[in-house]
Amino acid sequence: MTARVVFTSGFSRLDGVREFTVEAKNLRGVIKAMDELYPTLGEHLVEETTVAIDGSIHETAYFQPIREGCEIFFIPKLEGG
């Protein structure tokens, strides 16, 4: 399935590009595709982001299916106390 991947402006390693189109069956495939474009990004996405798929936030969603045309937003995790 083709999905639109969007990053917030905090992802400086992406050379200013914030939107991508990737082919994947699930979120794990999306992360793998982004890691192929930007080596080591996949590990960062797993450890330091929360993901929203079509507006629904998922903490752990590696096997969340991706539907054709969906939007995936990677958001830096908020920390605080």
PDB file of N, CA and C in Angstrom:
ATOM      1  N   MET A   1       0.834  -1.174   0.000  1.00  0.00           N
ATOM      2  CA  MET A   1       0.000   0.000   0.000  1.00  0.00           C
ATOM      3  C   MET A   1       0.885   1.245   0.000  1.00  0.00           C
ATOM      4  N   THR A   2       0.402   2.277  -0.630  1.00  0.00           N
ATOM      5  CA  THR A   2       1.128   3.541  -0.663  1.00  0.00           C
ATOM      6  C   THR A   2       0.627   4.432   0.462  1.00  0.00           C
ATOM      7  N   ALA A   3       1.551   4.968   1.240  1.00  0.00           N
ATOM      8  CA  ALA A   3       1.203   5.843   2.349  1.00  0.00           C
ATOM      9  C   ALA A   3       2.003   7.131   2.262  1.00  0.00           C
ATOM     10  N   ARG A   4       1.432   8.188   2.792  1.00  0.00           N
ATOM     11  CA  ARG A   4       2.108   9.483   2.873  1.00  0.00           C
ATOM     12  C   ARG A   4       2.689   9.599   4.280  1.00  0.00           C
ATOM     13  N   VAL A   5       4.006   9.784   4.368  1.00  0.00           N
ATOM     14  CA  VAL A   5       4.696   9.888   5.651  1.00  0.00           C
ATOM     15  C   VAL A   5       5.084  11.342   5.857  1.00  0.00           C
ATOM     16  N   VAL A   6       4.736  11.893   7.029  1.00  0.00           N
ATOM     17  CA  VAL A   6       5.004  13.295   7.338  1.00  0.00           C
ATOM     18  C   VAL A   6       5.786  13.371   8.643  1.00  0.00           C
ATOM     19  N   PHE A   7       6.814  14.208   8.650  1.00  0.00           N
ATOM     20  CA  PHE A   7       7.617  14.432   9.844  1.00  0.00           C
ATOM     21  C   PHE A   7       7.438  15.862  10.325  1.00  0.00           C
ATOM     22  N   THR A   8       7.534  16.073  11.631  1.00  0.00           N
ATOM     23  CA  THR A   8       7.515  17.429  12.169  1.00  0.00           C
ATOM     24  C   THR A   8       8.834  18.102  11.829  1.00  0.00           C
ATOM     25  N   SER A   9       8.911  19.378  12.023  1.00  0.00           N
ATOM     26  CA  SER A   9      10.108  20.139  11.646  1.00  0.00           C
ATOM     27  C   SER A   9      11.335  19.776  12.470  1.00  0.00           C
ATOM     28  N   GLY A  10      11.201  19.021  13.541  1.00  0.00           N
ATOM     29  CA  GLY A  10      12.324  18.664  14.394  1.00  0.00           C
ATOM     30  C   GLY A  10      13.261  17.602  13.831  1.00  0.00           C
ATOM     31  N   PHE A  11      12.980  17.057  12.666  1.00  0.00           N
ATOM     32  CA  PHE A  11      13.809  16.009  12.092  1.00  0.00           C
ATOM     33  C   PHE A  11      14.850  16.614  11.161  1.00  0.00           C
ATOM     34  N   SER A  12      15.906  17.166  11.735  1.00  0.00           N
ATOM     35  CA  SER A  12      16.926  17.881  10.961  1.00  0.00           C
ATOM     36  C   SER A  12      17.706  16.968  10.028  1.00  0.00           C
ATOM     37  N   ARG A  13      17.788  15.688  10.332  1.00  0.00           N
ATOM     38  CA  ARG A  13      18.571  14.778   9.491  1.00  0.00           C
ATOM     39  C   ARG A  13      17.929  14.510   8.134  1.00  0.00           C
ATOM     40  N   LEU A  14      16.734  15.012   7.916  1.00  0.00           N
ATOM     41  CA  LEU A  14      16.029  14.753   6.664  1.00  0.00           C
ATOM     42  C   LEU A  14      16.288  15.823   5.608  1.00  0.00           C
ATOM     43  N   ASP A  15      17.261  16.668   5.817  1.00  0.00           N
ATOM     44  CA  ASP A  15      17.654  17.686   4.839  1.00  0.00           C
ATOM     45  C   ASP A  15      16.493  18.589   4.423  1.00  0.00           C
ATOM     46  N   GLY A  16      15.616  18.901   5.357  1.00  0.00           N
ATOM     47  CA  GLY A  16      14.506  19.803   5.070  1.00  0.00           C
ATOM     48  C   GLY A  16      13.295  19.156   4.428  1.00  0.00           C
ATOM     49  N   VAL A  17      13.411  17.914   3.998  1.00  0.00           N
ATOM     50  CA  VAL A  17      12.270  17.215   3.396  1.00  0.00           C
ATOM     51  C   VAL A  17      11.409  16.675   4.531  1.00  0.00           C
ATOM     52  N   ARG A  18      10.118  16.963   4.489  1.00  0.00           N
ATOM     53  CA  ARG A  18       9.244  16.545   5.582  1.00  0.00           C
ATOM     54  C   ARG A  18       8.160  15.577   5.151  1.00  0.00           C
ATOM     55  N   GLU A  19       7.988  15.349   3.852  1.00  0.00           N
ATOM     56  CA  GLU A  19       6.948  14.436   3.386  1.00  0.00           C
ATOM     57  C   GLU A  19       7.522  13.436   2.392  1.00  0.00           C
ATOM     58  N   PHE A  20       7.075  12.197   2.527  1.00  0.00           N
ATOM     59  CA  PHE A  20       7.545  11.107   1.678  1.00  0.00           C
ATOM     60  C   PHE A  20       6.351  10.242   1.302  1.00  0.00           C
ATOM     61  N   THR A  21       6.476   9.527   0.213  1.00  0.00           N
ATOM     62  CA  THR A  21       5.507   8.507  -0.160  1.00  0.00           C
ATOM     63  C   THR A  21       6.252   7.183  -0.131  1.00  0.00           C
ATOM     64  N   VAL A  22       5.722   6.217   0.609  1.00  0.00           N
ATOM     65  CA  VAL A  22       6.380   4.924   0.722  1.00  0.00           C
ATOM     66  C   VAL A  22       5.370   3.809   0.475  1.00  0.00           C
ATOM     67  N   GLU A  23       5.898   2.655   0.092  1.00  0.00           N
ATOM     68  CA  GLU A  23       5.100   1.444  -0.088  1.00  0.00           C
ATOM     69  C   GLU A  23       5.353   0.541   1.101  1.00  0.00           C
ATOM     70  N   ALA A  24       4.294   0.129   1.791  1.00  0.00           N
ATOM     71  CA  ALA A  24       4.439  -0.772   2.937  1.00  0.00           C
ATOM     72  C   ALA A  24       3.090  -1.393   3.275  1.00  0.00           C
ATOM     73  N   LYS A  25       3.148  -2.554   3.928  1.00  0.00           N
ATOM     74  CA  LYS A  25       1.924  -3.229   4.366  1.00  0.00           C
ATOM     75  C   LYS A  25       1.546  -2.852   5.789  1.00  0.00           C
ATOM     76  N   ASN A  26       2.573  -2.494   6.595  1.00  0.00           N
ATOM     77  CA  ASN A  26       2.328  -2.136   7.987  1.00  0.00           C
ATOM     78  C   ASN A  26       3.355  -1.086   8.419  1.00  0.00           C
ATOM     79  N   LEU A  27       3.218  -0.605   9.640  1.00  0.00           N
ATOM     80  CA  LEU A  27       4.106   0.453  10.116  1.00  0.00           C
ATOM     81  C   LEU A  27       5.560   0.002  10.147  1.00  0.00           C
ATOM     82  N   ARG A  28       5.789  -1.236  10.457  1.00  0.00           N
ATOM     83  CA  ARG A  28       7.159  -1.758  10.450  1.00  0.00           C
ATOM     84  C   ARG A  28       7.788  -1.586   9.065  1.00  0.00           C
ATOM     85  N   GLY A  29       7.030  -1.839   8.023  1.00  0.00           N
ATOM     86  CA  GLY A  29       7.512  -1.653   6.661  1.00  0.00           C
ATOM     87  C   GLY A  29       7.797  -0.192   6.342  1.00  0.00           C
ATOM     88  N   VAL A  30       6.994   0.711   6.894  1.00  0.00           N
ATOM     89  CA  VAL A  30       7.225   2.143   6.710  1.00  0.00           C
ATOM     90  C   VAL A  30       8.552   2.531   7.353  1.00  0.00           C
ATOM     91  N   ILE A  31       8.777   2.062   8.580  1.00  0.00           N
ATOM     92  CA  ILE A  31      10.021   2.377   9.291  1.00  0.00           C
ATOM     93  C   ILE A  31      11.218   1.820   8.526  1.00  0.00           C
ATOM     94  N   LYS A  32      11.084   0.623   8.010  1.00  0.00           N
ATOM     95  CA  LYS A  32      12.175   0.016   7.230  1.00  0.00           C
ATOM     96  C   LYS A  32      12.464   0.834   5.971  1.00  0.00           C
ATOM     97  N   ALA A  33      11.417   1.283   5.289  1.00  0.00           N
ATOM     98  CA  ALA A  33      11.601   2.088   4.081  1.00  0.00           C
ATOM     99  C   ALA A  33      12.302   3.404   4.404  1.00  0.00           C
ATOM    100  N   MET A  34      11.941   4.035   5.519  1.00  0.00           N
ATOM    101  CA  MET A  34      12.591   5.293   5.902  1.00  0.00           C
ATOM    102  C   MET A  34      14.050   5.055   6.300  1.00  0.00           C
ATOM    103  N   ASP A  35      14.315   3.910   6.920  1.00  0.00           N
ATOM    104  CA  ASP A  35      15.685   3.574   7.302  1.00  0.00           C
ATOM    105  C   ASP A  35      16.554   3.331   6.074  1.00  0.00           C
ATOM    106  N   GLU A  36      15.968   2.811   5.010  1.00  0.00           N
ATOM    107  CA  GLU A  36      16.718   2.614   3.766  1.00  0.00           C
ATOM    108  C   GLU A  36      17.078   3.956   3.128  1.00  0.00           C
ATOM    109  N   LEU A  37      16.184   4.929   3.241  1.00  0.00           N
ATOM    110  CA  LEU A  37      16.465   6.269   2.702  1.00  0.00           C
ATOM    111  C   LEU A  37      17.476   7.024   3.552  1.00  0.00           C
ATOM    112  N   TYR A  38      17.353   6.886   4.867  1.00  0.00           N
ATOM    113  CA  TYR A  38      18.208   7.582   5.830  1.00  0.00           C
ATOM    114  C   TYR A  38      18.694   6.572   6.865  1.00  0.00           C
ATOM    115  N   PRO A  39      19.847   5.941   6.618  1.00  0.00           N
ATOM    116  CA  PRO A  39      20.353   4.928   7.553  1.00  0.00           C
ATOM    117  C   PRO A  39      20.392   5.443   8.993  1.00  0.00           C
ATOM    118  N   THR A  40      19.986   4.587   9.900  1.00  0.00           N
ATOM    119  CA  THR A  40      19.855   4.783  11.356  1.00  0.00           C
ATOM    120  C   THR A  40      18.593   5.550  11.741  1.00  0.00           C
ATOM    121  N   LEU A  41      17.840   6.070  10.780  1.00  0.00           N
ATOM    122  CA  LEU A  41      16.603   6.766  11.121  1.00  0.00           C
ATOM    123  C   LEU A  41      15.585   5.807  11.719  1.00  0.00           C
ATOM    124  N   GLY A  42      15.548   4.571  11.236  1.00  0.00           N
ATOM    125  CA  GLY A  42      14.579   3.601  11.737  1.00  0.00           C
ATOM    126  C   GLY A  42      14.683   3.397  13.232  1.00  0.00           C
ATOM    127  N   GLU A  43      15.896   3.259  13.742  1.00  0.00           N
ATOM    128  CA  GLU A  43      16.096   3.080  15.188  1.00  0.00           C
ATOM    129  C   GLU A  43      15.583   4.301  15.952  1.00  0.00           C
ATOM    130  N   HIS A  44      15.863   5.477  15.429  1.00  0.00           N
ATOM    131  CA  HIS A  44      15.382   6.713  16.059  1.00  0.00           C
ATOM    132  C   HIS A  44      13.854   6.746  16.078  1.00  0.00           C
ATOM    133  N   LEU A  45      13.228   6.368  14.972  1.00  0.00           N
ATOM    134  CA  LEU A  45      11.775   6.387  14.904  1.00  0.00           C
ATOM    135  C   LEU A  45      11.154   5.440  15.926  1.00  0.00           C
ATOM    136  N   VAL A  46      11.747   4.273  16.091  1.00  0.00           N
ATOM    137  CA  VAL A  46      11.225   3.281  17.037  1.00  0.00           C
ATOM    138  C   VAL A  46      11.369   3.770  18.474  1.00  0.00           C
ATOM    139  N   GLU A  47      12.523   4.322  18.798  1.00  0.00           N
ATOM    140  CA  GLU A  47      12.823   4.670  20.187  1.00  0.00           C
ATOM    141  C   GLU A  47      12.324   6.044  20.617  1.00  0.00           C
ATOM    142  N   GLU A  48      12.228   6.991  19.695  1.00  0.00           N
ATOM    143  CA  GLU A  48      12.016   8.371  20.120  1.00  0.00           C
ATOM    144  C   GLU A  48      10.796   9.056  19.522  1.00  0.00           C
ATOM    145  N   THR A  49       9.914   8.296  18.895  1.00  0.00           N
ATOM    146  CA  THR A  49       8.724   8.935  18.336  1.00  0.00           C
ATOM    147  C   THR A  49       7.455   8.180  18.702  1.00  0.00           C
ATOM    148  N   THR A  50       6.373   8.903  18.620  1.00  0.00           N
ATOM    149  CA  THR A  50       5.031   8.346  18.663  1.00  0.00           C
ATOM    150  C   THR A  50       4.502   8.519  17.245  1.00  0.00           C
ATOM    151  N   VAL A  51       3.614   7.653  16.844  1.00  0.00           N
ATOM    152  CA  VAL A  51       3.116   7.735  15.469  1.00  0.00           C
ATOM    153  C   VAL A  51       1.602   7.916  15.470  1.00  0.00           C
ATOM    154  N   ALA A  52       1.152   8.739  14.536  1.00  0.00           N
ATOM    155  CA  ALA A  52      -0.280   8.905  14.319  1.00  0.00           C
ATOM    156  C   ALA A  52      -0.579   8.397  12.906  1.00  0.00           C
ATOM    157  N   ILE A  53      -1.519   7.480  12.819  1.00  0.00           N
ATOM    158  CA  ILE A  53      -1.945   6.933  11.534  1.00  0.00           C
ATOM    159  C   ILE A  53      -3.374   7.399  11.303  1.00  0.00           C
ATOM    160  N   ASP A  54      -3.542   8.220  10.287  1.00  0.00           N
ATOM    161  CA  ASP A  54      -4.849   8.811   9.989  1.00  0.00           C
ATOM    162  C   ASP A  54      -5.475   9.461  11.222  1.00  0.00           C
ATOM    163  N   GLY A  55      -4.641  10.153  11.992  1.00  0.00           N
ATOM    164  CA  GLY A  55      -5.123  10.907  13.140  1.00  0.00           C
ATOM    165  C   GLY A  55      -5.233  10.134  14.442  1.00  0.00           C
ATOM    166  N   SER A  56      -5.036   8.827  14.428  1.00  0.00           N
ATOM    167  CA  SER A  56      -5.088   8.029  15.659  1.00  0.00           C
ATOM    168  C   SER A  56      -3.671   7.766  16.134  1.00  0.00           C
ATOM    169  N   ILE A  57      -3.390   8.126  17.386  1.00  0.00           N
ATOM    170  CA  ILE A  57      -2.044   7.967  17.931  1.00  0.00           C
ATOM    171  C   ILE A  57      -1.841   6.540  18.415  1.00  0.00           C
ATOM    172  N   HIS A  58      -0.659   5.987  18.081  1.00  0.00           N
ATOM    173  CA  HIS A  58      -0.289   4.625  18.465  1.00  0.00           C
ATOM    174  C   HIS A  58       1.089   4.652  19.112  1.00  0.00           C
ATOM    175  N   GLU A  59       1.196   4.130  20.322  1.00  0.00           N
ATOM    176  CA  GLU A  59       2.503   4.038  20.988  1.00  0.00           C
ATOM    177  C   GLU A  59       3.328   2.905  20.382  1.00  0.00           C
ATOM    178  N   THR A  60       2.734   1.736  20.286  1.00  0.00           N
ATOM    179  CA  THR A  60       3.413   0.576  19.709  1.00  0.00           C
ATOM    180  C   THR A  60       2.514   0.046  18.602  1.00  0.00           C
ATOM    181  N   ALA A  61       2.919   0.288  17.380  1.00  0.00           N
ATOM    182  CA  ALA A  61       2.022  -0.051  16.269  1.00  0.00           C
ATOM    183  C   ALA A  61       2.756  -0.716  15.123  1.00  0.00           C
ATOM    184  N   TYR A  62       3.835  -1.453  15.404  1.00  0.00           N
ATOM    185  CA  TYR A  62       4.668  -2.007  14.338  1.00  0.00           C
ATOM    186  C   TYR A  62       3.887  -2.803  13.310  1.00  0.00           C
ATOM    187  N   PHE A  63       2.875  -3.516  13.738  1.00  0.00           N
ATOM    188  CA  PHE A  63       2.130  -4.361  12.817  1.00  0.00           C
ATOM    189  C   PHE A  63       0.769  -3.761  12.454  1.00  0.00           C
ATOM    190  N   GLN A  64       0.598  -2.485  12.789  1.00  0.00           N
ATOM    191  CA  GLN A  64      -0.618  -1.772  12.411  1.00  0.00           C
ATOM    192  C   GLN A  64      -0.682  -1.742  10.887  1.00  0.00           C
ATOM    193  N   PRO A  65      -1.753  -2.247  10.292  1.00  0.00           N
ATOM    194  CA  PRO A  65      -1.827  -2.256   8.823  1.00  0.00           C
ATOM    195  C   PRO A  65      -1.911  -0.840   8.259  1.00  0.00           C
ATOM    196  N   ILE A  66      -1.340  -0.691   7.089  1.00  0.00           N
ATOM    197  CA  ILE A  66      -1.364   0.580   6.380  1.00  0.00           C
ATOM    198  C   ILE A  66      -2.345   0.437   5.227  1.00  0.00           C
ATOM    199  N   ARG A  67      -3.292   1.328   5.160  1.00  0.00           N
ATOM    200  CA  ARG A  67      -4.255   1.278   4.048  1.00  0.00           C
ATOM    201  C   ARG A  67      -3.788   2.221   2.942  1.00  0.00           C
ATOM    202  N   GLU A  68      -4.223   1.997   1.778  1.00  0.00           N
ATOM    203  CA  GLU A  68      -3.876   2.824   0.619  1.00  0.00           C
ATOM    204  C   GLU A  68      -4.228   4.286   0.895  1.00  0.00           C
ATOM    205  N   GLY A  69      -3.252   5.168   0.724  1.00  0.00           N
ATOM    206  CA  GLY A  69      -3.475   6.601   0.852  1.00  0.00           C
ATOM    207  C   GLY A  69      -3.496   7.144   2.267  1.00  0.00           C
ATOM    208  N   CYS A  70      -3.176   6.349   3.255  1.00  0.00           N
ATOM    209  CA  CYS A  70      -3.228   6.849   4.626  1.00  0.00           C
ATOM    210  C   CYS A  70      -2.086   7.835   4.897  1.00  0.00           C
ATOM    211  N   GLU A  71      -2.246   8.617   5.969  1.00  0.00           N
ATOM    212  CA  GLU A  71      -1.222   9.570   6.395  1.00  0.00           C
ATOM    213  C   GLU A  71      -0.611   9.094   7.699  1.00  0.00           C
ATOM    214  N   ILE A  72       0.704   9.088   7.723  1.00  0.00           N
ATOM    215  CA  ILE A  72       1.440   8.654   8.908  1.00  0.00           C
ATOM    216  C   ILE A  72       2.306   9.814   9.369  1.00  0.00           C
ATOM    217  N   PHE A  73       2.097  10.240  10.600  1.00  0.00           N
ATOM    218  CA  PHE A  73       2.873  11.333  11.178  1.00  0.00           C
ATOM    219  C   PHE A  73       3.777  10.776  12.268  1.00  0.00           C
ATOM    220  N   PHE A  74       5.072  11.068  12.169  1.00  0.00           N
ATOM    221  CA  PHE A  74       6.005  10.731  13.234  1.00  0.00           C
ATOM    222  C   PHE A  74       6.207  11.968  14.091  1.00  0.00           C
ATOM    223  N   ILE A  75       5.942  11.817  15.388  1.00  0.00           N
ATOM    224  CA  ILE A  75       5.964  12.933  16.321  1.00  0.00           C
ATOM    225  C   ILE A  75       6.973  12.623  17.419  1.00  0.00           C
ATOM    226  N   PRO A  76       7.902  13.544  17.726  1.00  0.00           N
ATOM    227  CA  PRO A  76       8.844  13.285  18.819  1.00  0.00           C
ATOM    228  C   PRO A  76       8.069  13.065  20.127  1.00  0.00           C
ATOM    229  N   LYS A  77       8.514  12.071  20.905  1.00  0.00           N
ATOM    230  CA  LYS A  77       7.883  11.802  22.189  1.00  0.00           C
ATOM    231  C   LYS A  77       8.121  12.978  23.119  1.00  0.00           C
ATOM    232  N   LEU A  78       7.106  13.292  23.899  1.00  0.00           N
ATOM    233  CA  LEU A  78       7.218  14.356  24.888  1.00  0.00           C
ATOM    234  C   LEU A  78       7.701  13.754  26.196  1.00  0.00           C
ATOM    235  N   GLU A  79       8.629  14.425  26.821  1.00  0.00           N
ATOM    236  CA  GLU A  79       9.112  13.985  28.118  1.00  0.00           C
ATOM    237  C   GLU A  79       8.890  15.091  29.116  1.00  0.00           C
ATOM    238  N   GLY A  80       8.638  14.710  30.298  1.00  0.00           N
ATOM    239  CA  GLY A  80       8.411  15.723  31.326  1.00  0.00           C
ATOM    240  C   GLY A  80       8.196  15.061  32.668  1.00  0.00           C
ATOM    241  N   GLY A  81       7.962  15.852  33.618  1.00  0.00           N
ATOM    242  CA  GLY A  81       7.782  15.288  34.947  1.00  0.00           C
ATOM    243  C   GLY A  81       6.807  16.052  35.772  1.00  0.00           C
TER     244      GLY A  81
END
